[in-house]
């Protein structure tokens, strides 16, 4: 016989002699049982609370991580604005007009103005404006007007009298080799040359070079 049954028996025996004791005893047992259940429930809740991560801690950590990433992006952008011999231009009317003449949209291109790009063996271009397809530039989506990066050009004269130029820079997917010749048009006093891309192979786009006057 279990201790619980024994206790019931004792209470019942006592109740016979005392009259009205049985209901009181049963009520006492109910209260004791309820108290035990409450304590067990409190223990379960306490255990769950101690093992569950705090939502506020997770949110705080995510915010701190986002702040650090934003800070790094700002540092990189500030650095890109301070260094480089080429600067990204905004979508001016001049750039838009040049592209319009060749049925191109400015949204697909990035214009840069470069100075002193010649290597020691170059025979031609040094200061120029170039309009490059975004496909030729590394992470072109992140470039903004005023950003700077480095570009070098190595140009040689071909037997036909045309020129071959290799464009290289830290914002180019790969070195670009192209051939170009006489101006194909002028725009606001600037000569416009079309550079036919030889490398990388398969490129369907061209580079548009702008020079002051008739200089190259």
N, C-alpha and C. Protein backbone atom coordinates (compact mmCIF):
# COMPACT_ATOMS: atom_id res chain seq x y z
N UNK A 1 0.86 -1.19 0.00
CA UNK A 1 0.00 0.00 0.00
C UNK A 1 0.89 1.24 0.00
N UNK A 2 0.59 2.20 -0.88
CA UNK A 2 1.41 3.39 -0.98
C UNK A 2 1.19 4.31 0.20
N UNK A 3 2.16 5.24 0.38
CA UNK A 3 2.06 6.19 1.49
C UNK A 3 0.83 7.07 1.33
N UNK A 4 0.47 7.39 0.07
CA UNK A 4 -0.69 8.24 -0.17
C UNK A 4 -1.96 7.57 0.30
N UNK A 5 -2.12 6.24 -0.03
CA UNK A 5 -3.31 5.49 0.39
C UNK A 5 -3.36 5.37 1.90
N UNK A 6 -2.16 5.13 2.49
CA UNK A 6 -2.12 5.04 3.95
C UNK A 6 -2.59 6.34 4.58
N UNK A 7 -2.17 7.45 4.01
CA UNK A 7 -2.56 8.75 4.55
C UNK A 7 -4.05 8.95 4.45
N UNK A 8 -4.65 8.53 3.33
CA UNK A 8 -6.10 8.62 3.16
C UNK A 8 -6.82 7.79 4.20
N UNK A 9 -6.28 6.60 4.43
CA UNK A 9 -6.91 5.70 5.41
C UNK A 9 -6.89 6.31 6.78
N UNK A 10 -5.74 6.89 7.16
CA UNK A 10 -5.63 7.52 8.47
C UNK A 10 -6.60 8.68 8.60
N UNK A 11 -6.70 9.47 7.54
CA UNK A 11 -7.61 10.61 7.59
C UNK A 11 -9.05 10.16 7.72
N UNK A 12 -9.40 9.11 6.95
CA UNK A 12 -10.76 8.60 7.01
C UNK A 12 -11.08 8.06 8.40
N UNK A 13 -10.08 7.35 8.98
CA UNK A 13 -10.28 6.82 10.33
C UNK A 13 -10.47 7.92 11.32
N UNK A 14 -9.67 8.97 11.18
CA UNK A 14 -9.79 10.09 12.10
C UNK A 14 -11.10 10.81 11.89
N UNK A 15 -11.56 10.83 10.67
CA UNK A 15 -12.79 11.56 10.36
C UNK A 15 -14.00 10.90 10.96
N UNK A 16 -13.96 9.57 11.11
CA UNK A 16 -15.11 8.88 11.67
C UNK A 16 -15.35 9.33 13.09
N UNK A 17 -14.23 9.53 13.82
CA UNK A 17 -14.38 9.93 15.22
C UNK A 17 -14.59 11.40 15.41
N UNK A 18 -14.14 12.22 14.48
CA UNK A 18 -14.17 13.67 14.70
C UNK A 18 -15.35 14.33 14.01
N UNK A 19 -15.89 13.73 13.00
CA UNK A 19 -17.05 14.31 12.32
C UNK A 19 -16.72 15.58 11.60
N UNK A 20 -16.87 15.60 10.32
CA UNK A 20 -16.53 16.79 9.51
C UNK A 20 -15.07 16.89 9.22
N UNK A 21 -14.26 15.95 9.74
CA UNK A 21 -12.81 16.03 9.51
C UNK A 21 -12.43 15.61 8.12
N UNK A 22 -13.22 14.74 7.53
CA UNK A 22 -12.88 14.21 6.20
C UNK A 22 -12.84 15.32 5.15
N UNK A 23 -13.87 16.15 5.05
CA UNK A 23 -13.80 17.24 4.04
C UNK A 23 -12.62 18.15 4.25
N UNK A 24 -12.31 18.46 5.51
CA UNK A 24 -11.18 19.35 5.79
C UNK A 24 -9.88 18.71 5.38
N UNK A 25 -9.75 17.42 5.63
CA UNK A 25 -8.51 16.73 5.29
C UNK A 25 -8.32 16.67 3.79
N UNK A 26 -9.42 16.36 3.08
CA UNK A 26 -9.33 16.28 1.62
C UNK A 26 -8.96 17.63 1.03
N UNK A 27 -9.53 18.70 1.58
CA UNK A 27 -9.20 20.06 1.11
C UNK A 27 -7.74 20.37 1.32
N UNK A 28 -7.21 19.91 2.47
CA UNK A 28 -5.78 20.13 2.75
C UNK A 28 -4.93 19.42 1.74
N UNK A 29 -5.33 18.20 1.36
CA UNK A 29 -4.58 17.45 0.36
C UNK A 29 -4.62 18.16 -0.99
N UNK A 30 -5.78 18.72 -1.34
CA UNK A 30 -5.91 19.43 -2.62
C UNK A 30 -5.00 20.65 -2.67
N UNK A 31 -4.95 21.39 -1.57
CA UNK A 31 -4.08 22.57 -1.51
C UNK A 31 -2.64 22.17 -1.65
N UNK A 32 -2.25 21.07 -0.95
CA UNK A 32 -0.87 20.59 -1.02
C UNK A 32 -0.51 20.18 -2.43
N UNK A 33 -1.47 19.47 -3.10
CA UNK A 33 -1.23 19.03 -4.47
C UNK A 33 -1.08 20.21 -5.41
N UNK A 34 -1.93 21.24 -5.23
CA UNK A 34 -1.85 22.43 -6.09
C UNK A 34 -0.54 23.15 -5.91
N UNK A 35 -0.09 23.27 -4.67
CA UNK A 35 1.18 23.94 -4.39
C UNK A 35 2.33 23.21 -5.06
N UNK A 36 2.26 21.86 -5.02
CA UNK A 36 3.32 21.07 -5.65
C UNK A 36 3.34 21.32 -7.16
N UNK A 37 2.13 21.36 -7.78
CA UNK A 37 2.06 21.61 -9.23
C UNK A 37 2.60 22.97 -9.59
N UNK A 38 2.31 23.99 -8.76
CA UNK A 38 2.80 25.35 -9.02
C UNK A 38 4.31 25.38 -8.98
N UNK A 39 4.89 24.71 -7.99
CA UNK A 39 6.35 24.70 -7.87
C UNK A 39 6.99 24.02 -9.06
N UNK A 40 6.37 22.89 -9.52
CA UNK A 40 6.92 22.20 -10.68
C UNK A 40 6.83 23.08 -11.93
N UNK A 41 5.67 23.78 -12.08
CA UNK A 41 5.52 24.68 -13.23
C UNK A 41 6.51 25.81 -13.20
N UNK A 42 6.76 26.35 -12.01
CA UNK A 42 7.74 27.43 -11.87
C UNK A 42 9.12 26.93 -12.25
N UNK A 43 9.42 25.69 -11.89
CA UNK A 43 10.74 25.14 -12.22
C UNK A 43 10.91 25.00 -13.72
N UNK A 44 9.83 24.55 -14.43
CA UNK A 44 9.90 24.40 -15.88
C UNK A 44 10.10 25.75 -16.55
N UNK A 45 9.32 26.76 -16.12
CA UNK A 45 9.46 28.10 -16.70
C UNK A 45 10.84 28.66 -16.45
N UNK A 46 11.33 28.46 -15.22
CA UNK A 46 12.66 28.96 -14.88
C UNK A 46 13.72 28.32 -15.74
N UNK A 47 13.58 26.99 -15.98
CA UNK A 47 14.56 26.28 -16.80
C UNK A 47 14.52 26.78 -18.23
N UNK A 48 13.30 27.01 -18.78
CA UNK A 48 13.18 27.50 -20.15
C UNK A 48 13.77 28.89 -20.29
N UNK A 49 13.53 29.73 -19.29
CA UNK A 49 14.04 31.11 -19.35
C UNK A 49 15.55 31.14 -19.33
N UNK A 50 16.15 30.20 -18.58
CA UNK A 50 17.60 30.22 -18.45
C UNK A 50 18.29 29.71 -19.70
N UNK A 51 17.59 28.85 -20.50
CA UNK A 51 18.22 28.28 -21.69
C UNK A 51 17.90 29.05 -22.96
N UNK A 52 16.86 29.90 -22.96
CA UNK A 52 16.48 30.64 -24.16
C UNK A 52 17.29 31.92 -24.27
N UNK A 53 17.82 32.22 -25.50
CA UNK A 53 18.57 33.47 -25.68
C UNK A 53 17.67 34.68 -25.55
N UNK A 54 18.21 35.72 -25.01
CA UNK A 54 17.45 36.96 -24.84
C UNK A 54 17.27 37.65 -26.18
N UNK A 55 16.01 37.93 -26.61
CA UNK A 55 15.80 38.63 -27.89
C UNK A 55 16.52 39.96 -27.95
N UNK A 56 16.56 40.67 -26.84
CA UNK A 56 17.21 41.98 -26.84
C UNK A 56 18.70 41.86 -27.10
N UNK A 57 19.32 40.77 -26.59
CA UNK A 57 20.76 40.57 -26.83
C UNK A 57 21.02 40.30 -28.30
N UNK A 58 20.16 39.46 -28.94
CA UNK A 58 20.34 39.14 -30.36
C UNK A 58 20.20 40.38 -31.22
N UNK A 59 19.19 41.19 -30.94
CA UNK A 59 18.98 42.43 -31.71
C UNK A 59 20.15 43.38 -31.53
N UNK A 60 20.63 43.50 -30.30
CA UNK A 60 21.76 44.39 -30.04
C UNK A 60 23.01 43.96 -30.79
N UNK A 61 23.25 42.64 -30.83
CA UNK A 61 24.42 42.13 -31.54
C UNK A 61 24.31 42.40 -33.04
N UNK A 62 23.10 42.22 -33.61
CA UNK A 62 22.90 42.48 -35.04
C UNK A 62 23.14 43.95 -35.37
N UNK A 63 22.68 44.84 -34.50
CA UNK A 63 22.87 46.28 -34.72
C UNK A 63 24.35 46.63 -34.70
N UNK A 64 25.08 46.05 -33.73
CA UNK A 64 26.52 46.34 -33.64
C UNK A 64 27.26 45.84 -34.87
N UNK A 65 26.88 44.64 -35.37
CA UNK A 65 27.51 44.10 -36.58
C UNK A 65 27.22 45.00 -37.78
N UNK A 66 25.97 45.46 -37.91
CA UNK A 66 25.61 46.35 -39.00
C UNK A 66 26.36 47.67 -38.94
N UNK A 67 26.55 48.19 -37.73
CA UNK A 67 27.29 49.45 -37.56
C UNK A 67 28.74 49.29 -38.01
N UNK A 68 29.35 48.15 -37.66
CA UNK A 68 30.75 47.91 -38.05
C UNK A 68 30.87 47.82 -39.57
N UNK A 69 29.94 47.10 -40.21
CA UNK A 69 29.98 46.97 -41.67
C UNK A 69 29.79 48.32 -42.34
N UNK A 70 28.86 49.11 -41.85
CA UNK A 70 28.63 50.45 -42.42
C UNK A 70 29.86 51.32 -42.27
N UNK A 71 30.54 51.19 -41.13
CA UNK A 71 31.75 51.97 -40.89
C UNK A 71 32.85 51.60 -41.87
N UNK A 72 32.99 50.29 -42.16
CA UNK A 72 34.01 49.84 -43.10
C UNK A 72 33.72 50.37 -44.50
N UNK A 73 32.45 50.35 -44.90
CA UNK A 73 32.08 50.86 -46.23
C UNK A 73 32.41 52.35 -46.34
N UNK A 74 32.12 53.10 -45.28
CA UNK A 74 32.42 54.54 -45.28
C UNK A 74 33.92 54.78 -45.39
N UNK A 75 34.72 53.96 -44.68
CA UNK A 75 36.18 54.11 -44.75
C UNK A 75 36.69 53.84 -46.15
N UNK A 76 36.17 52.76 -46.78
CA UNK A 76 36.60 52.43 -48.13
C UNK A 76 36.22 53.52 -49.12
N UNK A 77 35.00 54.08 -48.96
CA UNK A 77 34.57 55.14 -49.86
C UNK A 77 35.41 56.40 -49.68
N UNK A 78 35.74 56.73 -48.44
CA UNK A 78 36.58 57.90 -48.19
C UNK A 78 37.96 57.71 -48.80
N UNK A 79 38.49 56.49 -48.69
CA UNK A 79 39.80 56.20 -49.26
C UNK A 79 39.77 56.30 -50.77
N UNK A 80 38.67 55.78 -51.39
CA UNK A 80 38.57 55.81 -52.84
C UNK A 80 38.45 57.23 -53.38
N UNK A 81 37.96 58.15 -52.57
CA UNK A 81 37.83 59.54 -53.00
C UNK A 81 39.16 60.29 -52.90
N UNK A 82 40.11 59.74 -52.18
CA UNK A 82 41.37 60.44 -51.96
C UNK A 82 42.48 59.97 -52.89
N UNK A 83 42.37 58.77 -53.44
CA UNK A 83 43.46 58.19 -54.20
C UNK A 83 43.03 57.87 -55.62
N UNK A 84 44.00 57.91 -56.55
CA UNK A 84 43.74 57.54 -57.93
C UNK A 84 43.88 58.70 -58.88
N UNK A 85 44.33 58.40 -60.12
CA UNK A 85 44.51 59.44 -61.12
C UNK A 85 43.29 59.60 -62.03
N UNK A 86 42.23 58.85 -61.73
CA UNK A 86 40.98 58.97 -62.48
C UNK A 86 39.84 59.25 -61.51
N UNK A 87 38.91 60.08 -61.95
CA UNK A 87 37.77 60.43 -61.12
C UNK A 87 36.48 60.11 -61.88
N UNK A 88 35.51 59.56 -61.18
CA UNK A 88 34.22 59.22 -61.79
C UNK A 88 33.41 60.50 -61.99
N UNK A 89 32.86 60.66 -63.20
CA UNK A 89 32.05 61.83 -63.53
C UNK A 89 30.57 61.53 -63.34
N UNK A 90 29.80 62.59 -63.13
CA UNK A 90 28.36 62.39 -63.07
C UNK A 90 27.80 62.28 -64.49
N UNK A 91 26.54 61.94 -64.59
CA UNK A 91 25.92 61.78 -65.92
C UNK A 91 25.56 63.15 -66.48
N UNK A 92 26.58 63.85 -66.98
CA UNK A 92 26.36 65.18 -67.52
C UNK A 92 25.69 65.10 -68.89
N UNK A 93 25.22 66.23 -69.36
CA UNK A 93 24.60 66.29 -70.68
C UNK A 93 25.60 65.88 -71.76
N UNK A 94 26.87 66.24 -71.54
CA UNK A 94 27.90 65.91 -72.53
C UNK A 94 28.02 64.40 -72.70
N UNK A 95 28.10 63.68 -71.58
CA UNK A 95 28.23 62.22 -71.64
C UNK A 95 26.98 61.61 -72.26
N UNK A 96 25.83 62.08 -71.84
CA UNK A 96 24.57 61.55 -72.36
C UNK A 96 24.45 61.79 -73.86
N UNK A 97 24.89 62.97 -74.32
CA UNK A 97 24.81 63.30 -75.75
C UNK A 97 25.70 62.39 -76.57
N UNK A 98 26.92 62.13 -76.08
CA UNK A 98 27.84 61.25 -76.81
C UNK A 98 27.23 59.86 -76.96
N UNK A 99 26.74 59.32 -75.87
CA UNK A 99 26.16 57.98 -75.92
C UNK A 99 24.91 57.95 -76.79
N UNK A 100 24.14 59.02 -76.76
CA UNK A 100 22.92 59.09 -77.56
C UNK A 100 23.24 58.97 -79.05
N UNK A 101 24.37 59.53 -79.46
CA UNK A 101 24.76 59.46 -80.88
C UNK A 101 25.01 58.04 -81.33
N UNK A 102 25.35 57.16 -80.37
CA UNK A 102 25.63 55.76 -80.70
C UNK A 102 24.54 54.82 -80.18
N UNK A 103 23.37 55.40 -79.91
CA UNK A 103 22.21 54.63 -79.45
C UNK A 103 22.52 53.85 -78.17
N UNK A 104 23.20 54.49 -77.25
CA UNK A 104 23.53 53.88 -75.97
C UNK A 104 22.88 54.68 -74.83
N UNK A 105 22.65 53.99 -73.73
CA UNK A 105 22.05 54.63 -72.55
C UNK A 105 23.10 54.86 -71.48
N UNK A 106 23.06 56.03 -70.87
CA UNK A 106 24.06 56.36 -69.85
C UNK A 106 23.96 55.46 -68.62
N UNK A 107 22.79 54.86 -68.38
CA UNK A 107 22.64 53.97 -67.22
C UNK A 107 23.54 52.75 -67.31
N UNK A 108 23.98 52.40 -68.52
CA UNK A 108 24.80 51.21 -68.72
C UNK A 108 26.29 51.52 -68.77
N UNK A 109 26.65 52.79 -68.54
CA UNK A 109 28.05 53.20 -68.70
C UNK A 109 28.51 54.03 -67.50
N UNK A 110 29.84 54.04 -67.32
CA UNK A 110 30.47 54.89 -66.31
C UNK A 110 31.51 55.76 -67.01
N UNK A 111 31.44 57.06 -66.78
CA UNK A 111 32.39 58.00 -67.39
C UNK A 111 33.45 58.40 -66.37
N UNK A 112 34.71 58.45 -66.81
CA UNK A 112 35.81 58.84 -65.93
C UNK A 112 36.71 59.84 -66.65
N UNK A 113 37.30 60.72 -65.88
CA UNK A 113 38.31 61.64 -66.41
C UNK A 113 39.65 61.25 -65.80
N UNK A 114 40.65 61.01 -66.68
CA UNK A 114 41.95 60.51 -66.22
C UNK A 114 43.08 61.45 -66.63
N UNK A 115 44.10 61.51 -65.78
CA UNK A 115 45.29 62.32 -66.04
C UNK A 115 46.54 61.47 -65.85
N UNK A 116 47.53 61.74 -66.71
CA UNK A 116 48.85 61.10 -66.58
C UNK A 116 48.75 59.58 -66.48
N UNK A 117 48.08 59.00 -67.47
CA UNK A 117 47.92 57.54 -67.46
C UNK A 117 49.00 56.81 -68.25
N UNK A 118 49.78 57.53 -69.05
CA UNK A 118 50.76 56.88 -69.91
C UNK A 118 51.85 56.15 -69.14
N UNK A 119 52.20 54.98 -69.64
CA UNK A 119 53.42 54.32 -69.16
C UNK A 119 54.59 54.92 -69.93
N UNK A 120 55.81 54.53 -69.56
CA UNK A 120 57.00 55.13 -70.17
C UNK A 120 57.09 54.84 -71.66
N UNK A 121 56.51 53.71 -72.09
CA UNK A 121 56.63 53.33 -73.51
C UNK A 121 55.46 53.83 -74.36
N UNK A 122 54.51 54.52 -73.74
CA UNK A 122 53.34 54.99 -74.49
C UNK A 122 53.71 56.11 -75.44
N UNK A 123 53.04 56.13 -76.59
CA UNK A 123 53.31 57.16 -77.58
C UNK A 123 52.19 58.20 -77.66
N UNK A 124 51.08 57.94 -77.02
CA UNK A 124 49.95 58.85 -77.18
C UNK A 124 49.29 59.21 -75.87
N UNK A 125 48.01 58.90 -75.76
CA UNK A 125 47.09 59.49 -74.79
C UNK A 125 47.64 59.59 -73.37
N UNK A 126 47.30 60.69 -72.70
CA UNK A 126 47.69 60.89 -71.31
C UNK A 126 46.51 61.41 -70.49
N UNK A 127 45.91 62.51 -70.95
CA UNK A 127 44.73 63.06 -70.27
C UNK A 127 43.52 62.88 -71.17
N UNK A 128 42.48 62.28 -70.67
CA UNK A 128 41.34 61.94 -71.51
C UNK A 128 40.10 61.65 -70.66
N UNK A 129 38.96 61.69 -71.34
CA UNK A 129 37.71 61.23 -70.73
C UNK A 129 37.33 59.93 -71.40
N UNK A 130 37.01 58.94 -70.61
CA UNK A 130 36.63 57.64 -71.15
C UNK A 130 35.25 57.24 -70.66
N UNK A 131 34.47 56.69 -71.57
CA UNK A 131 33.14 56.18 -71.22
C UNK A 131 33.18 54.66 -71.38
N UNK A 132 33.11 53.96 -70.25
CA UNK A 132 33.26 52.51 -70.22
C UNK A 132 31.93 51.82 -69.92
N UNK A 133 31.71 50.72 -70.61
CA UNK A 133 30.56 49.89 -70.26
C UNK A 133 30.74 49.36 -68.84
N UNK A 134 29.66 49.32 -68.08
CA UNK A 134 29.74 48.85 -66.70
C UNK A 134 30.26 47.42 -66.61
N UNK A 135 30.07 46.64 -67.67
CA UNK A 135 30.54 45.25 -67.66
C UNK A 135 32.07 45.16 -67.60
N UNK A 136 32.75 46.23 -67.96
CA UNK A 136 34.22 46.21 -67.98
C UNK A 136 34.83 46.62 -66.65
N UNK A 137 34.01 47.12 -65.74
CA UNK A 137 34.52 47.64 -64.47
C UNK A 137 34.12 46.74 -63.31
N UNK A 138 35.00 46.67 -62.33
CA UNK A 138 34.77 45.84 -61.15
C UNK A 138 33.83 46.55 -60.19
N UNK A 139 32.72 45.88 -59.85
CA UNK A 139 31.74 46.45 -58.93
C UNK A 139 31.32 47.86 -59.34
N UNK A 140 30.99 48.01 -60.61
CA UNK A 140 30.63 49.34 -61.13
C UNK A 140 29.42 49.92 -60.41
N UNK A 141 28.56 49.05 -59.87
CA UNK A 141 27.35 49.53 -59.17
C UNK A 141 27.68 50.37 -57.95
N UNK A 142 28.90 50.17 -57.40
CA UNK A 142 29.26 50.89 -56.17
C UNK A 142 29.95 52.23 -56.44
N UNK A 143 30.27 52.51 -57.71
CA UNK A 143 30.97 53.75 -58.05
C UNK A 143 30.01 54.94 -58.03
N UNK A 144 30.48 56.03 -57.46
CA UNK A 144 29.70 57.26 -57.40
C UNK A 144 30.55 58.42 -57.94
N UNK A 145 29.89 59.46 -58.41
CA UNK A 145 30.61 60.64 -58.89
C UNK A 145 31.54 61.15 -57.80
N UNK A 146 32.81 61.37 -58.17
CA UNK A 146 33.80 61.82 -57.20
C UNK A 146 34.72 60.72 -56.71
N UNK A 147 34.32 59.46 -56.88
CA UNK A 147 35.20 58.34 -56.50
C UNK A 147 36.42 58.32 -57.42
N UNK A 148 37.54 57.86 -56.87
CA UNK A 148 38.79 57.81 -57.64
C UNK A 148 39.35 56.40 -57.67
N UNK A 149 40.06 56.10 -58.76
CA UNK A 149 40.83 54.86 -58.84
C UNK A 149 41.94 55.04 -59.88
N UNK A 150 42.87 54.12 -59.90
CA UNK A 150 44.05 54.24 -60.75
C UNK A 150 43.85 53.54 -62.09
N UNK A 151 44.33 54.18 -63.15
CA UNK A 151 44.32 53.60 -64.49
C UNK A 151 45.65 53.94 -65.16
N UNK A 152 46.22 52.95 -65.85
CA UNK A 152 47.39 53.20 -66.69
C UNK A 152 47.05 52.83 -68.12
N UNK A 153 47.70 53.50 -69.07
CA UNK A 153 47.50 53.19 -70.48
C UNK A 153 48.85 52.99 -71.15
N UNK A 154 48.91 51.98 -71.99
CA UNK A 154 50.11 51.73 -72.79
C UNK A 154 49.68 51.71 -74.26
N UNK A 155 50.11 52.71 -75.01
CA UNK A 155 49.65 52.88 -76.39
C UNK A 155 50.81 52.76 -77.37
N UNK A 156 50.55 52.06 -78.46
CA UNK A 156 51.55 51.94 -79.52
C UNK A 156 50.89 52.19 -80.87
N UNK A 157 51.72 52.63 -81.83
CA UNK A 157 51.21 52.90 -83.17
C UNK A 157 51.23 51.63 -84.01
N UNK A 158 50.15 51.38 -84.72
CA UNK A 158 50.07 50.22 -85.60
C UNK A 158 50.50 50.61 -87.01
N UNK A 159 50.78 49.64 -87.83
CA UNK A 159 51.24 49.90 -89.19
C UNK A 159 50.22 50.66 -90.02
N UNK A 160 48.97 50.50 -89.70
CA UNK A 160 47.90 51.17 -90.44
C UNK A 160 47.76 52.64 -90.06
N UNK A 161 48.50 53.07 -89.05
CA UNK A 161 48.37 54.44 -88.56
C UNK A 161 47.39 54.55 -87.41
N UNK A 162 46.70 53.45 -87.12
CA UNK A 162 45.81 53.44 -85.96
C UNK A 162 46.63 53.17 -84.70
N UNK A 163 45.93 53.08 -83.59
CA UNK A 163 46.61 52.89 -82.30
C UNK A 163 46.01 51.70 -81.56
N UNK A 164 46.86 51.09 -80.77
CA UNK A 164 46.41 50.03 -79.87
C UNK A 164 46.75 50.44 -78.44
N UNK A 165 45.76 50.40 -77.58
CA UNK A 165 45.95 50.82 -76.19
C UNK A 165 45.53 49.71 -75.24
N UNK A 166 46.36 49.51 -74.22
CA UNK A 166 46.01 48.59 -73.14
C UNK A 166 45.65 49.42 -71.91
N UNK A 167 44.42 49.27 -71.47
CA UNK A 167 43.94 49.95 -70.26
C UNK A 167 44.05 48.98 -69.08
N UNK A 168 44.62 49.45 -68.01
CA UNK A 168 44.74 48.60 -66.83
C UNK A 168 44.44 49.44 -65.59
N UNK A 169 43.83 48.83 -64.58
CA UNK A 169 43.51 49.58 -63.36
C UNK A 169 42.91 48.70 -62.30
N UNK A 170 42.89 49.22 -61.08
CA UNK A 170 42.39 48.43 -59.96
C UNK A 170 40.88 48.33 -59.91
N UNK A 171 40.19 48.97 -60.85
CA UNK A 171 38.74 48.85 -60.92
C UNK A 171 38.29 48.16 -62.20
N UNK A 172 39.23 47.55 -62.90
CA UNK A 172 38.89 46.85 -64.14
C UNK A 172 38.90 45.36 -63.89
N UNK A 173 37.91 44.69 -64.47
CA UNK A 173 37.80 43.25 -64.29
C UNK A 173 39.06 42.55 -64.76
N UNK A 174 39.62 43.04 -65.86
CA UNK A 174 40.83 42.48 -66.46
C UNK A 174 41.42 43.56 -67.36
N UNK A 175 42.72 43.51 -67.68
CA UNK A 175 43.27 44.49 -68.62
C UNK A 175 42.48 44.49 -69.93
N UNK A 176 42.26 45.69 -70.47
CA UNK A 176 41.46 45.83 -71.69
C UNK A 176 42.36 46.29 -72.83
N UNK A 177 42.36 45.55 -73.91
CA UNK A 177 43.13 45.92 -75.10
C UNK A 177 42.16 46.33 -76.20
N UNK A 178 42.42 47.50 -76.78
CA UNK A 178 41.53 47.99 -77.84
C UNK A 178 42.28 48.74 -78.92
N UNK A 179 41.67 48.84 -80.09
CA UNK A 179 42.24 49.58 -81.22
C UNK A 179 41.32 50.74 -81.58
N UNK A 180 41.93 51.84 -82.00
CA UNK A 180 41.16 53.02 -82.36
C UNK A 180 41.94 53.85 -83.36
N UNK A 181 41.23 54.74 -84.06
CA UNK A 181 41.88 55.55 -85.09
C UNK A 181 41.46 57.00 -85.03
N UNK A 182 41.04 57.52 -86.16
CA UNK A 182 40.67 58.93 -86.24
C UNK A 182 39.33 59.18 -85.55
N UNK A 183 39.09 60.43 -85.17
CA UNK A 183 37.80 60.76 -84.54
C UNK A 183 36.63 60.39 -85.44
N UNK A 184 35.59 59.88 -84.84
CA UNK A 184 34.40 59.54 -85.60
C UNK A 184 33.37 60.66 -85.53
N UNK A 185 33.53 61.53 -84.55
CA UNK A 185 32.62 62.67 -84.40
C UNK A 185 33.23 63.65 -83.41
N UNK A 186 32.61 64.78 -83.27
CA UNK A 186 33.02 65.75 -82.25
C UNK A 186 31.80 66.12 -81.42
N UNK A 187 32.05 66.54 -80.20
CA UNK A 187 30.96 66.95 -79.33
C UNK A 187 31.46 68.06 -78.42
N UNK A 188 30.85 69.23 -78.57
CA UNK A 188 31.21 70.39 -77.75
C UNK A 188 32.72 70.66 -77.76
N UNK A 189 33.32 70.60 -78.95
CA UNK A 189 34.73 70.90 -79.10
C UNK A 189 35.67 69.76 -78.78
N UNK A 190 35.15 68.60 -78.45
CA UNK A 190 35.99 67.45 -78.13
C UNK A 190 35.90 66.40 -79.23
N UNK A 191 37.06 65.81 -79.54
CA UNK A 191 37.09 64.71 -80.50
C UNK A 191 36.66 63.42 -79.81
N UNK A 192 35.86 62.65 -80.51
CA UNK A 192 35.36 61.40 -79.94
C UNK A 192 35.89 60.23 -80.77
N UNK A 193 36.60 59.31 -80.10
CA UNK A 193 37.11 58.11 -80.74
C UNK A 193 36.39 56.88 -80.19
N UNK A 194 36.19 55.91 -81.06
CA UNK A 194 35.62 54.63 -80.62
C UNK A 194 36.74 53.61 -80.53
N UNK A 195 36.89 53.02 -79.36
CA UNK A 195 37.90 51.98 -79.15
C UNK A 195 37.23 50.62 -79.30
N UNK A 196 37.64 49.88 -80.32
CA UNK A 196 37.12 48.53 -80.53
C UNK A 196 37.88 47.58 -79.61
N UNK A 197 37.17 46.85 -78.78
CA UNK A 197 37.80 46.00 -77.78
C UNK A 197 38.24 44.67 -78.40
N UNK A 198 39.52 44.35 -78.22
CA UNK A 198 40.07 43.07 -78.67
C UNK A 198 40.15 42.06 -77.52
N UNK A 199 40.50 42.55 -76.37
CA UNK A 199 40.57 41.74 -75.15
C UNK A 199 39.87 42.50 -74.03
N UNK A 200 39.06 41.87 -73.20
CA UNK A 200 38.74 40.44 -73.22
C UNK A 200 37.89 40.06 -74.44
N UNK A 201 38.14 38.87 -74.94
CA UNK A 201 37.43 38.40 -76.12
C UNK A 201 35.94 38.24 -75.82
N UNK A 202 35.16 38.48 -76.84
CA UNK A 202 33.72 38.30 -76.69
C UNK A 202 32.98 39.56 -76.25
N UNK A 203 33.71 40.61 -75.90
CA UNK A 203 33.04 41.83 -75.49
C UNK A 203 32.37 42.49 -76.69
N UNK A 204 31.12 42.80 -76.55
CA UNK A 204 30.35 43.41 -77.64
C UNK A 204 30.31 44.93 -77.55
N UNK A 205 30.88 45.47 -76.49
CA UNK A 205 30.83 46.91 -76.27
C UNK A 205 32.10 47.60 -76.76
N UNK A 206 32.06 48.92 -76.78
CA UNK A 206 33.23 49.73 -77.14
C UNK A 206 33.50 50.72 -76.03
N UNK A 207 34.70 51.29 -76.05
CA UNK A 207 35.05 52.38 -75.15
C UNK A 207 35.03 53.67 -75.97
N UNK A 208 34.49 54.72 -75.40
CA UNK A 208 34.43 56.01 -76.09
C UNK A 208 35.41 56.96 -75.41
N UNK A 209 36.40 57.41 -76.19
CA UNK A 209 37.42 58.33 -75.67
C UNK A 209 37.14 59.74 -76.17
N UNK A 210 37.27 60.71 -75.28
CA UNK A 210 37.07 62.12 -75.63
C UNK A 210 38.35 62.89 -75.34
N UNK A 211 38.80 63.66 -76.34
CA UNK A 211 39.99 64.50 -76.19
C UNK A 211 39.64 65.95 -76.50
N UNK A 212 40.34 66.85 -75.84
CA UNK A 212 40.15 68.28 -76.12
C UNK A 212 40.62 68.58 -77.54
N UNK A 213 39.81 69.28 -78.32
CA UNK A 213 40.19 69.66 -79.68
C UNK A 213 40.47 68.44 -80.53
N UNK A 214 41.59 68.51 -81.27
CA UNK A 214 41.97 67.40 -82.13
C UNK A 214 43.13 66.61 -81.56
N UNK A 215 43.47 66.87 -80.32
CA UNK A 215 44.62 66.19 -79.73
C UNK A 215 44.28 64.75 -79.38
N UNK A 216 45.32 63.91 -79.40
CA UNK A 216 45.16 62.51 -79.04
C UNK A 216 46.33 62.09 -78.16
